[in-house]
PDB file of N, CA and C in Angstrom:
ATOM      1  N   MET A   1       5.521  63.673  57.052  1.00  0.00           N
ATOM      2  CA  MET A   1       4.904  62.907  55.909  1.00  0.00           C
ATOM      3  C   MET A   1       5.852  61.531  56.150  1.00  0.00           C
ATOM      4  N   ARG A   2       4.948  60.455  55.897  1.00  0.00           N
ATOM      5  CA  ARG A   2       5.410  59.227  56.017  1.00  0.00           C
ATOM      6  C   ARG A   2       5.774  58.527  54.700  1.00  0.00           C
ATOM      7  N   TYR A   3       6.869  57.762  54.400  1.00  0.00           N
ATOM      8  CA  TYR A   3       7.117  57.229  53.291  1.00  0.00           C
ATOM      9  C   TYR A   3       6.946  55.828  53.467  1.00  0.00           C
ATOM     10  N   ARG A   4       6.849  55.208  52.208  1.00  0.00           N
ATOM     11  CA  ARG A   4       6.680  53.711  52.179  1.00  0.00           C
ATOM     12  C   ARG A   4       7.915  53.040  52.732  1.00  0.00           C
ATOM     13  N   LYS A   5       7.750  52.089  53.431  1.00  0.00           N
ATOM     14  CA  LYS A   5       8.964  51.326  53.927  1.00  0.00           C
ATOM     15  C   LYS A   5       9.441  50.300  53.014  1.00  0.00           C
ATOM     16  N   ALA A   6       8.585  49.681  52.290  1.00  0.00           N
ATOM     17  CA  ALA A   6       9.045  48.689  51.040  1.00  0.00           C
ATOM     18  C   ALA A   6       9.698  49.554  49.991  1.00  0.00           C
ATOM     19  N   PRO A   7      10.614  48.943  49.202  1.00  0.00           N
ATOM     20  CA  PRO A   7      11.255  49.670  47.963  1.00  0.00           C
ATOM     21  C   PRO A   7      10.053  50.196  47.104  1.00  0.00           C
ATOM     22  N   LEU A   8      10.259  51.393  46.516  1.00  0.00           N
ATOM     23  CA  LEU A   8       9.505  51.792  45.531  1.00  0.00           C
ATOM     24  C   LEU A   8       9.325  51.109  44.226  1.00  0.00           C
ATOM     25  N   VAL A   9       8.157  50.865  43.700  1.00  0.00           N
ATOM     26  CA  VAL A   9       8.085  50.282  42.513  1.00  0.00           C
ATOM     27  C   VAL A   9       8.549  51.362  41.247  1.00  0.00           C
ATOM     28  N   SER A  10       9.538  50.948  40.523  1.00  0.00           N
ATOM     29  CA  SER A  10      10.169  51.721  39.617  1.00  0.00           C
ATOM     30  C   SER A  10       9.533  51.635  38.221  1.00  0.00           C
ATOM     31  N   ASP A  11       8.960  50.367  37.920  1.00  0.00           N
ATOM     32  CA  ASP A  11       8.504  50.016  36.648  1.00  0.00           C
ATOM     33  C   ASP A  11       6.923  50.180  36.677  1.00  0.00           C
ATOM     34  N   ILE A  12       6.180  51.167  37.008  1.00  0.00           N
ATOM     35  CA  ILE A  12       4.924  51.221  37.070  1.00  0.00           C
ATOM     36  C   ILE A  12       4.434  51.356  35.692  1.00  0.00           C
ATOM     37  N   HIS A  13       5.139  51.612  34.553  1.00  0.00           N
ATOM     38  CA  HIS A  13       4.532  51.631  33.373  1.00  0.00           C
ATOM     39  C   HIS A  13       3.846  50.503  32.942  1.00  0.00           C
ATOM     40  N   TYR A  14       4.167  49.272  33.351  1.00  0.00           N
ATOM     41  CA  TYR A  14       3.434  48.057  33.223  1.00  0.00           C
ATOM     42  C   TYR A  14       1.943  48.147  33.780  1.00  0.00           C
ATOM     43  N   LEU A  15       1.796  48.830  34.841  1.00  0.00           N
ATOM     44  CA  LEU A  15       0.477  48.962  35.529  1.00  0.00           C
ATOM     45  C   LEU A  15      -0.554  50.083  34.810  1.00  0.00           C
ATOM     46  N   LEU A  16       0.211  50.999  34.363  1.00  0.00           N
ATOM     47  CA  LEU A  16      -0.495  52.301  34.041  1.00  0.00           C
ATOM     48  C   LEU A  16      -1.354  51.855  32.581  1.00  0.00           C
ATOM     49  N   GLY A  17      -2.699  52.016  32.761  1.00  0.00           N
ATOM     50  CA  GLY A  17      -3.567  51.765  31.491  1.00  0.00           C
ATOM     51  C   GLY A  17      -4.218  50.263  31.692  1.00  0.00           C
ATOM     52  N   SER A  18      -3.767  49.714  32.857  1.00  0.00           N
ATOM     53  CA  SER A  18      -4.505  48.530  33.136  1.00  0.00           C
ATOM     54  C   SER A  18      -5.903  48.559  33.420  1.00  0.00           C
ATOM     55  N   THR A  19      -6.734  47.728  33.218  1.00  0.00           N
ATOM     56  CA  THR A  19      -8.173  47.757  33.351  1.00  0.00           C
ATOM     57  C   THR A  19      -8.492  47.037  34.690  1.00  0.00           C
ATOM     58  N   LEU A  20      -9.288  47.720  35.536  1.00  0.00           N
ATOM     59  CA  LEU A  20      -9.662  47.243  36.885  1.00  0.00           C
ATOM     60  C   LEU A  20     -11.124  47.085  36.728  1.00  0.00           C
ATOM     61  N   ARG A  21     -11.596  46.066  37.455  1.00  0.00           N
ATOM     62  CA  ARG A  21     -13.228  45.889  37.280  1.00  0.00           C
ATOM     63  C   ARG A  21     -13.497  45.966  38.888  1.00  0.00           C
ATOM     64  N   ASP A  22     -14.476  46.714  39.410  1.00  0.00           N
ATOM     65  CA  ASP A  22     -14.985  46.822  40.661  1.00  0.00           C
ATOM     66  C   ASP A  22     -16.364  45.977  40.636  1.00  0.00           C
ATOM     67  N   ALA A  23     -16.339  44.769  41.063  1.00  0.00           N
ATOM     68  CA  ALA A  23     -17.427  43.882  41.027  1.00  0.00           C
ATOM     69  C   ALA A  23     -18.420  44.437  41.923  1.00  0.00           C
ATOM     70  N   GLU A  24     -18.035  45.012  43.241  1.00  0.00           N
ATOM     71  CA  GLU A  24     -19.228  45.190  44.146  1.00  0.00           C
ATOM     72  C   GLU A  24     -20.140  46.517  43.346  1.00  0.00           C
ATOM     73  N   ASN A  25     -19.460  47.396  42.680  1.00  0.00           N
ATOM     74  CA  ASN A  25     -20.242  48.546  42.057  1.00  0.00           C
ATOM     75  C   ASN A  25     -20.372  48.466  40.611  1.00  0.00           C
ATOM     76  N   ASP A  26     -19.946  47.247  40.053  1.00  0.00           N
ATOM     77  CA  ASP A  26     -20.392  47.037  38.693  1.00  0.00           C
ATOM     78  C   ASP A  26     -19.740  48.044  37.765  1.00  0.00           C
ATOM     79  N   ARG A  27     -18.496  48.310  38.024  1.00  0.00           N
ATOM     80  CA  ARG A  27     -17.884  49.452  37.002  1.00  0.00           C
ATOM     81  C   ARG A  27     -16.437  48.971  36.653  1.00  0.00           C
ATOM     82  N   ILE A  28     -15.978  49.593  35.515  1.00  0.00           N
ATOM     83  CA  ILE A  28     -14.634  49.308  35.111  1.00  0.00           C
ATOM     84  C   ILE A  28     -14.031  50.621  34.954  1.00  0.00           C
ATOM     85  N   GLY A  29     -12.551  50.486  35.179  1.00  0.00           N
ATOM     86  CA  GLY A  29     -11.792  51.900  35.179  1.00  0.00           C
ATOM     87  C   GLY A  29     -10.433  51.278  34.675  1.00  0.00           C
ATOM     88  N   ARG A  30      -9.580  52.424  34.547  1.00  0.00           N
ATOM     89  CA  ARG A  30      -8.179  52.318  33.818  1.00  0.00           C
ATOM     90  C   ARG A  30      -7.379  52.994  35.137  1.00  0.00           C
ATOM     91  N   VAL A  31      -6.176  52.231  35.377  1.00  0.00           N
ATOM     92  CA  VAL A  31      -5.198  52.800  36.241  1.00  0.00           C
ATOM     93  C   VAL A  31      -4.519  54.022  35.510  1.00  0.00           C
ATOM     94  N   ILE A  32      -4.620  55.276  36.084  1.00  0.00           N
ATOM     95  CA  ILE A  32      -3.999  56.212  35.489  1.00  0.00           C
ATOM     96  C   ILE A  32      -2.804  56.969  36.272  1.00  0.00           C
ATOM     97  N   GLY A  33      -2.597  56.395  37.595  1.00  0.00           N
ATOM     98  CA  GLY A  33      -1.577  56.948  38.280  1.00  0.00           C
ATOM     99  C   GLY A  33      -1.537  56.058  39.465  1.00  0.00           C
ATOM    100  N   LEU A  34      -0.178  56.193  40.307  1.00  0.00           N
ATOM    101  CA  LEU A  34       0.177  55.586  41.498  1.00  0.00           C
ATOM    102  C   LEU A  34       1.103  56.419  42.355  1.00  0.00           C
ATOM    103  N   ASN A  35       0.482  56.588  43.448  1.00  0.00           N
ATOM    104  CA  ASN A  35       1.092  57.505  44.611  1.00  0.00           C
ATOM    105  C   ASN A  35       1.671  56.659  45.391  1.00  0.00           C
ATOM    106  N   GLN A  36       2.961  56.507  45.721  1.00  0.00           N
ATOM    107  CA  GLN A  36       3.572  55.782  46.524  1.00  0.00           C
ATOM    108  C   GLN A  36       4.275  56.371  47.918  1.00  0.00           C
ATOM    109  N   TYR A  37       3.955  57.689  48.132  1.00  0.00           N
ATOM    110  CA  TYR A  37       4.637  58.493  49.088  1.00  0.00           C
ATOM    111  C   TYR A  37       3.613  58.661  50.315  1.00  0.00           C
ATOM    112  N   HIS A  38       2.647  57.874  50.479  1.00  0.00           N
ATOM    113  CA  HIS A  38       1.877  57.771  51.729  1.00  0.00           C
ATOM    114  C   HIS A  38       2.068  56.471  52.464  1.00  0.00           C
ATOM    115  N   ALA A  39       1.485  56.435  53.675  1.00  0.00           N
ATOM    116  CA  ALA A  39       1.766  55.057  54.479  1.00  0.00           C
ATOM    117  C   ALA A  39       1.265  53.965  53.575  1.00  0.00           C
ATOM    118  N   ARG A  40       0.454  54.036  52.785  1.00  0.00           N
ATOM    119  CA  ARG A  40      -0.060  52.896  51.774  1.00  0.00           C
ATOM    120  C   ARG A  40      -0.018  53.484  50.369  1.00  0.00           C
ATOM    121  N   PRO A  41       0.238  52.618  49.404  1.00  0.00           N
ATOM    122  CA  PRO A  41      -0.018  53.031  48.146  1.00  0.00           C
ATOM    123  C   PRO A  41      -1.436  53.448  47.617  1.00  0.00           C
ATOM    124  N   ILE A  42      -1.542  54.330  46.792  1.00  0.00           N
ATOM    125  CA  ILE A  42      -2.866  54.899  46.258  1.00  0.00           C
ATOM    126  C   ILE A  42      -2.879  54.785  44.846  1.00  0.00           C
ATOM    127  N   LEU A  43      -3.935  53.955  44.322  1.00  0.00           N
ATOM    128  CA  LEU A  43      -3.969  53.976  42.845  1.00  0.00           C
ATOM    129  C   LEU A  43      -4.848  55.007  42.369  1.00  0.00           C
ATOM    130  N   GLU A  44      -4.608  55.693  41.258  1.00  0.00           N
ATOM    131  CA  GLU A  44      -5.622  56.661  40.619  1.00  0.00           C
ATOM    132  C   GLU A  44      -6.287  55.905  39.670  1.00  0.00           C
ATOM    133  N   VAL A  45      -7.648  55.619  39.666  1.00  0.00           N
ATOM    134  CA  VAL A  45      -8.529  55.036  38.644  1.00  0.00           C
ATOM    135  C   VAL A  45      -9.540  55.961  37.979  1.00  0.00           C
ATOM    136  N   LEU A  46      -9.497  55.862  36.698  1.00  0.00           N
ATOM    137  CA  LEU A  46     -10.545  56.508  35.979  1.00  0.00           C
ATOM    138  C   LEU A  46     -11.727  55.596  35.540  1.00  0.00           C
ATOM    139  N   TRP A  47     -12.791  55.818  36.261  1.00  0.00           N
ATOM    140  CA  TRP A  47     -14.018  54.874  36.056  1.00  0.00           C
ATOM    141  C   TRP A  47     -14.588  55.387  34.579  1.00  0.00           C
ATOM    142  N   GLU A  48     -14.957  54.551  33.777  1.00  0.00           N
ATOM    143  CA  GLU A  48     -15.497  54.674  32.540  1.00  0.00           C
ATOM    144  C   GLU A  48     -16.944  55.145  32.536  1.00  0.00           C
ATOM    145  N   GLU A  49     -17.552  54.744  33.390  1.00  0.00           N
ATOM    146  CA  GLU A  49     -19.071  54.943  33.247  1.00  0.00           C
ATOM    147  C   GLU A  49     -19.308  56.458  33.723  1.00  0.00           C
ATOM    148  N   SER A  50     -18.694  56.657  34.929  1.00  0.00           N
ATOM    149  CA  SER A  50     -19.039  58.007  35.406  1.00  0.00           C
ATOM    150  C   SER A  50     -17.913  59.179  34.956  1.00  0.00           C
ATOM    151  N   GLY A  51     -16.604  58.918  34.251  1.00  0.00           N
ATOM    152  CA  GLY A  51     -15.518  59.640  33.912  1.00  0.00           C
ATOM    153  C   GLY A  51     -14.991  60.314  35.197  1.00  0.00           C
ATOM    154  N   SER A  52     -15.098  59.746  36.222  1.00  0.00           N
ATOM    155  CA  SER A  52     -14.521  60.341  37.649  1.00  0.00           C
ATOM    156  C   SER A  52     -13.253  59.560  37.832  1.00  0.00           C
ATOM    157  N   ILE A  53     -12.434  60.200  38.487  1.00  0.00           N
ATOM    158  CA  ILE A  53     -11.177  59.793  39.071  1.00  0.00           C
ATOM    159  C   ILE A  53     -11.183  59.482  40.505  1.00  0.00           C
ATOM    160  N   GLU A  54     -10.935  58.192  40.990  1.00  0.00           N
ATOM    161  CA  GLU A  54     -11.112  57.941  42.352  1.00  0.00           C
ATOM    162  C   GLU A  54      -9.695  57.443  42.787  1.00  0.00           C
ATOM    163  N   ARG A  55      -9.475  57.875  44.177  1.00  0.00           N
ATOM    164  CA  ARG A  55      -8.030  57.485  44.572  1.00  0.00           C
ATOM    165  C   ARG A  55      -8.319  56.199  45.426  1.00  0.00           C
ATOM    166  N   VAL A  56      -7.757  55.004  45.207  1.00  0.00           N
ATOM    167  CA  VAL A  56      -8.178  53.808  45.837  1.00  0.00           C
ATOM    168  C   VAL A  56      -6.938  53.478  46.643  1.00  0.00           C
ATOM    169  N   ASP A  57      -7.050  53.351  48.095  1.00  0.00           N
ATOM    170  CA  ASP A  57      -6.068  53.090  48.830  1.00  0.00           C
ATOM    171  C   ASP A  57      -5.801  51.439  48.837  1.00  0.00           C
ATOM    172  N   ILE A  58      -4.557  51.108  48.729  1.00  0.00           N
ATOM    173  CA  ILE A  58      -4.350  49.373  48.759  1.00  0.00           C
ATOM    174  C   ILE A  58      -3.095  49.249  49.551  1.00  0.00           C
ATOM    175  N   SER A  59      -2.824  48.110  49.812  1.00  0.00           N
ATOM    176  CA  SER A  59      -1.710  47.579  50.701  1.00  0.00           C
ATOM    177  C   SER A  59      -0.628  47.496  49.716  1.00  0.00           C
ATOM    178  N   VAL A  60       0.506  47.304  50.479  1.00  0.00           N
ATOM    179  CA  VAL A  60       1.720  47.025  49.733  1.00  0.00           C
ATOM    180  C   VAL A  60       1.645  45.746  48.852  1.00  0.00           C
ATOM    181  N   GLU A  61       1.159  44.804  49.721  1.00  0.00           N
ATOM    182  CA  GLU A  61       1.006  43.447  49.103  1.00  0.00           C
ATOM    183  C   GLU A  61       0.021  43.421  48.058  1.00  0.00           C
ATOM    184  N   GLN A  62      -0.874  44.093  48.047  1.00  0.00           N
ATOM    185  CA  GLN A  62      -1.808  44.240  46.992  1.00  0.00           C
ATOM    186  C   GLN A  62      -1.255  44.903  45.675  1.00  0.00           C
ATOM    187  N   LEU A  63      -0.341  45.912  46.028  1.00  0.00           N
ATOM    188  CA  LEU A  63       0.392  46.627  44.764  1.00  0.00           C
ATOM    189  C   LEU A  63       1.312  45.604  44.151  1.00  0.00           C
ATOM    190  N   ASP A  64       1.990  44.718  45.046  1.00  0.00           N
ATOM    191  CA  ASP A  64       3.027  43.797  44.707  1.00  0.00           C
ATOM    192  C   ASP A  64       2.228  42.772  43.622  1.00  0.00           C
ATOM    193  N   SER A  65       0.977  42.314  44.094  1.00  0.00           N
ATOM    194  CA  SER A  65       0.211  41.331  43.217  1.00  0.00           C
ATOM    195  C   SER A  65      -0.221  41.944  41.915  1.00  0.00           C
ATOM    196  N   LEU A  66      -0.548  43.207  41.960  1.00  0.00           N
ATOM    197  CA  LEU A  66      -1.113  43.865  40.798  1.00  0.00           C
ATOM    198  C   LEU A  66       0.083  44.146  39.796  1.00  0.00           C
ATOM    199  N   MET A  67       1.207  44.333  40.328  1.00  0.00           N
ATOM    200  CA  MET A  67       2.412  44.672  39.541  1.00  0.00           C
ATOM    201  C   MET A  67       3.042  43.351  38.946  1.00  0.00           C
ATOM    202  N   GLU A  68       2.899  42.310  39.727  1.00  0.00           N
ATOM    203  CA  GLU A  68       3.253  40.820  39.205  1.00  0.00           C
ATOM    204  C   GLU A  68       2.359  40.433  38.192  1.00  0.00           C
ATOM    205  N   MET A  69       1.174  40.698  38.048  1.00  0.00           N
ATOM    206  CA  MET A  69       0.164  40.388  36.972  1.00  0.00           C
ATOM    207  C   MET A  69       0.590  41.309  35.783  1.00  0.00           C
ATOM    208  N   ALA A  70       0.794  42.515  36.124  1.00  0.00           N
ATOM    209  CA  ALA A  70       0.935  43.567  34.972  1.00  0.00           C
ATOM    210  C   ALA A  70       2.186  43.154  34.224  1.00  0.00           C
ATOM    211  N   ARG A  71       3.327  42.692  34.910  1.00  0.00           N
ATOM    212  CA  ARG A  71       4.448  42.377  34.376  1.00  0.00           C
ATOM    213  C   ARG A  71       4.327  41.104  33.503  1.00  0.00           C
ATOM    214  N   ALA A  72       3.610  40.114  34.066  1.00  0.00           N
ATOM    215  CA  ALA A  72       3.403  38.934  33.302  1.00  0.00           C
ATOM    216  C   ALA A  72       2.597  39.070  32.212  1.00  0.00           C
ATOM    217  N   ARG A  73       1.514  39.919  32.118  1.00  0.00           N
ATOM    218  CA  ARG A  73       0.919  40.272  31.078  1.00  0.00           C
ATOM    219  C   ARG A  73       1.566  40.944  30.041  1.00  0.00           C
ATOM    220  N   SER A  74       2.596  41.772  30.290  1.00  0.00           N
ATOM    221  CA  SER A  74       3.502  42.488  29.293  1.00  0.00           C
ATOM    222  C   SER A  74       4.390  41.407  28.762  1.00  0.00           C
ATOM    223  N   GLN A  75       4.873  40.624  29.505  1.00  0.00           N
ATOM    224  CA  GLN A  75       5.793  39.362  28.889  1.00  0.00           C
ATOM    225  C   GLN A  75       5.025  38.521  27.939  1.00  0.00           C
ATOM    226  N   ALA A  76       3.772  38.234  28.274  1.00  0.00           N
ATOM    227  CA  ALA A  76       2.935  37.324  27.487  1.00  0.00           C
ATOM    228  C   ALA A  76       2.620  38.161  26.235  1.00  0.00           C
ATOM    229  N   GLY A  77       2.305  39.470  26.276  1.00  0.00           N
ATOM    230  CA  GLY A  77       2.026  40.305  25.022  1.00  0.00           C
ATOM    231  C   GLY A  77       3.235  40.344  24.121  1.00  0.00           C
ATOM    232  N   SER A  78       4.500  40.291  24.685  1.00  0.00           N
ATOM    233  CA  SER A  78       5.558  40.397  23.851  1.00  0.00           C
ATOM    234  C   SER A  78       6.030  39.024  23.024  1.00  0.00           C
ATOM    235  N   SER A  79       5.592  38.082  23.726  1.00  0.00           N
ATOM    236  CA  SER A  79       5.933  36.678  23.182  1.00  0.00           C
ATOM    237  C   SER A  79       4.748  35.956  22.401  1.00  0.00           C
ATOM    238  N   SER A  80       3.618  36.727  22.419  1.00  0.00           N
ATOM    239  CA  SER A  80       2.334  36.062  21.853  1.00  0.00           C
ATOM    240  C   SER A  80       1.496  37.158  21.363  1.00  0.00           C
ATOM    241  N   SER A  81       0.806  36.698  20.492  1.00  0.00           N
ATOM    242  CA  SER A  81      -0.377  37.828  19.919  1.00  0.00           C
ATOM    243  C   SER A  81      -1.567  37.625  20.653  1.00  0.00           C
ATOM    244  N   ASP A  82      -1.748  36.936  21.754  1.00  0.00           N
ATOM    245  CA  ASP A  82      -2.868  36.654  22.488  1.00  0.00           C
ATOM    246  C   ASP A  82      -2.514  37.500  23.766  1.00  0.00           C
ATOM    247  N   ASN A  83      -3.094  38.605  24.224  1.00  0.00           N
ATOM    248  CA  ASN A  83      -2.942  39.335  25.294  1.00  0.00           C
ATOM    249  C   ASN A  83      -3.769  38.938  26.399  1.00  0.00           C
ATOM    250  N   SER A  84      -4.625  37.840  26.250  1.00  0.00           N
ATOM    251  CA  SER A  84      -5.564  37.671  27.252  1.00  0.00           C
ATOM    252  C   SER A  84      -5.031  37.014  28.534  1.00  0.00           C
ATOM    253  N   THR A  85      -5.440  37.436  29.785  1.00  0.00           N
ATOM    254  CA  THR A  85      -4.855  36.717  30.988  1.00  0.00           C
ATOM    255  C   THR A  85      -6.223  36.611  31.748  1.00  0.00           C
ATOM    256  N   ALA A  86      -5.863  35.771  32.869  1.00  0.00           N
ATOM    257  CA  ALA A  86      -7.071  35.342  33.848  1.00  0.00           C
ATOM    258  C   ALA A  86      -7.179  36.883  34.563  1.00  0.00           C
ATOM    259  N   ASP A  87      -8.397  37.187  35.246  1.00  0.00           N
ATOM    260  CA  ASP A  87      -8.597  38.033  36.066  1.00  0.00           C
ATOM    261  C   ASP A  87      -7.846  37.955  37.387  1.00  0.00           C
ATOM    262  N   THR A  88      -7.399  39.061  37.944  1.00  0.00           N
ATOM    263  CA  THR A  88      -6.601  39.021  39.226  1.00  0.00           C
ATOM    264  C   THR A  88      -7.573  39.649  40.273  1.00  0.00           C
ATOM    265  N   GLU A  89      -7.722  39.049  41.419  1.00  0.00           N
ATOM    266  CA  GLU A  89      -8.707  39.857  42.469  1.00  0.00           C
ATOM    267  C   GLU A  89      -7.807  40.529  43.350  1.00  0.00           C
ATOM    268  N   VAL A  90      -7.996  41.665  43.968  1.00  0.00           N
ATOM    269  CA  VAL A  90      -7.393  42.213  45.070  1.00  0.00           C
ATOM    270  C   VAL A  90      -8.625  42.880  46.017  1.00  0.00           C
ATOM    271  N   GLU A  91      -8.748  42.242  47.134  1.00  0.00           N
ATOM    272  CA  GLU A  91      -9.769  42.845  47.969  1.00  0.00           C
ATOM    273  C   GLU A  91      -9.149  43.802  48.914  1.00  0.00           C
ATOM    274  N   GLN A  92      -9.828  44.917  48.973  1.00  0.00           N
ATOM    275  CA  GLN A  92      -9.320  46.070  49.761  1.00  0.00           C
ATOM    276  C   GLN A  92      -9.793  45.784  51.430  1.00  0.00           C
ATOM    277  N   ASP A  93      -9.162  46.563  52.249  1.00  0.00           N
ATOM    278  CA  ASP A  93      -9.496  46.308  53.696  1.00  0.00           C
ATOM    279  C   ASP A  93     -11.162  46.584  54.085  1.00  0.00           C
ATOM    280  N   ASP A  94     -11.656  47.386  53.182  1.00  0.00           N
ATOM    281  CA  ASP A  94     -13.045  47.544  53.578  1.00  0.00           C
ATOM    282  C   ASP A  94     -14.111  46.703  52.949  1.00  0.00           C
ATOM    283  N   GLY A  95     -13.449  45.632  52.280  1.00  0.00           N
ATOM    284  CA  GLY A  95     -14.094  44.374  51.886  1.00  0.00           C
ATOM    285  C   GLY A  95     -14.630  44.672  50.223  1.00  0.00           C
ATOM    286  N   LYS A  96     -14.182  45.829  49.670  1.00  0.00           N
ATOM    287  CA  LYS A  96     -14.467  46.082  48.261  1.00  0.00           C
ATOM    288  C   LYS A  96     -13.358  45.097  47.638  1.00  0.00           C
ATOM    289  N   LEU A  97     -13.826  44.665  46.287  1.00  0.00           N
ATOM    290  CA  LEU A  97     -13.078  43.742  45.528  1.00  0.00           C
ATOM    291  C   LEU A  97     -12.934  44.459  44.253  1.00  0.00           C
ATOM    292  N   LEU A  98     -11.495  44.664  44.062  1.00  0.00           N
ATOM    293  CA  LEU A  98     -11.155  45.103  42.645  1.00  0.00           C
ATOM    294  C   LEU A  98     -10.671  43.885  41.889  1.00  0.00           C
ATOM    295  N   ARG A  99     -10.710  43.843  40.737  1.00  0.00           N
ATOM    296  CA  ARG A  99     -10.269  42.725  39.624  1.00  0.00           C
ATOM    297  C   ARG A  99      -9.588  43.251  38.600  1.00  0.00           C
ATOM    298  N   ARG A 100      -8.319  42.901  38.379  1.00  0.00           N
ATOM    299  CA  ARG A 100      -7.570  43.406  37.279  1.00  0.00           C
ATOM    300  C   ARG A 100      -8.021  42.413  35.959  1.00  0.00           C
ATOM    301  N   ALA A 101      -8.624  43.251  35.000  1.00  0.00           N
ATOM    302  CA  ALA A 101      -9.214  42.337  33.887  1.00  0.00           C
ATOM    303  C   ALA A 101      -8.272  42.249  32.912  1.00  0.00           C
TER     304      ALA A 101
END
């Protein structure tokens, strides 16, 4: 079993429950889990329309980007009643685009 070489993300609670938009497949889902014990991080996403859970393989850099936005959104929510933030795009290696809504 290969482990992630970068330090593990310990504050994933900021990311759990976040909304992701898959623009290519026109669907929206929620992050329900994160597996960091593979060569690449794997997000577990519950898609609203189908009710199915999909494991989405992302890079360490993509995870870092999503975590940065999740932390910023949490800080903005604690200092303001307006929780709206701009979408964050994360492109996967296969060309699919996920957007954190």
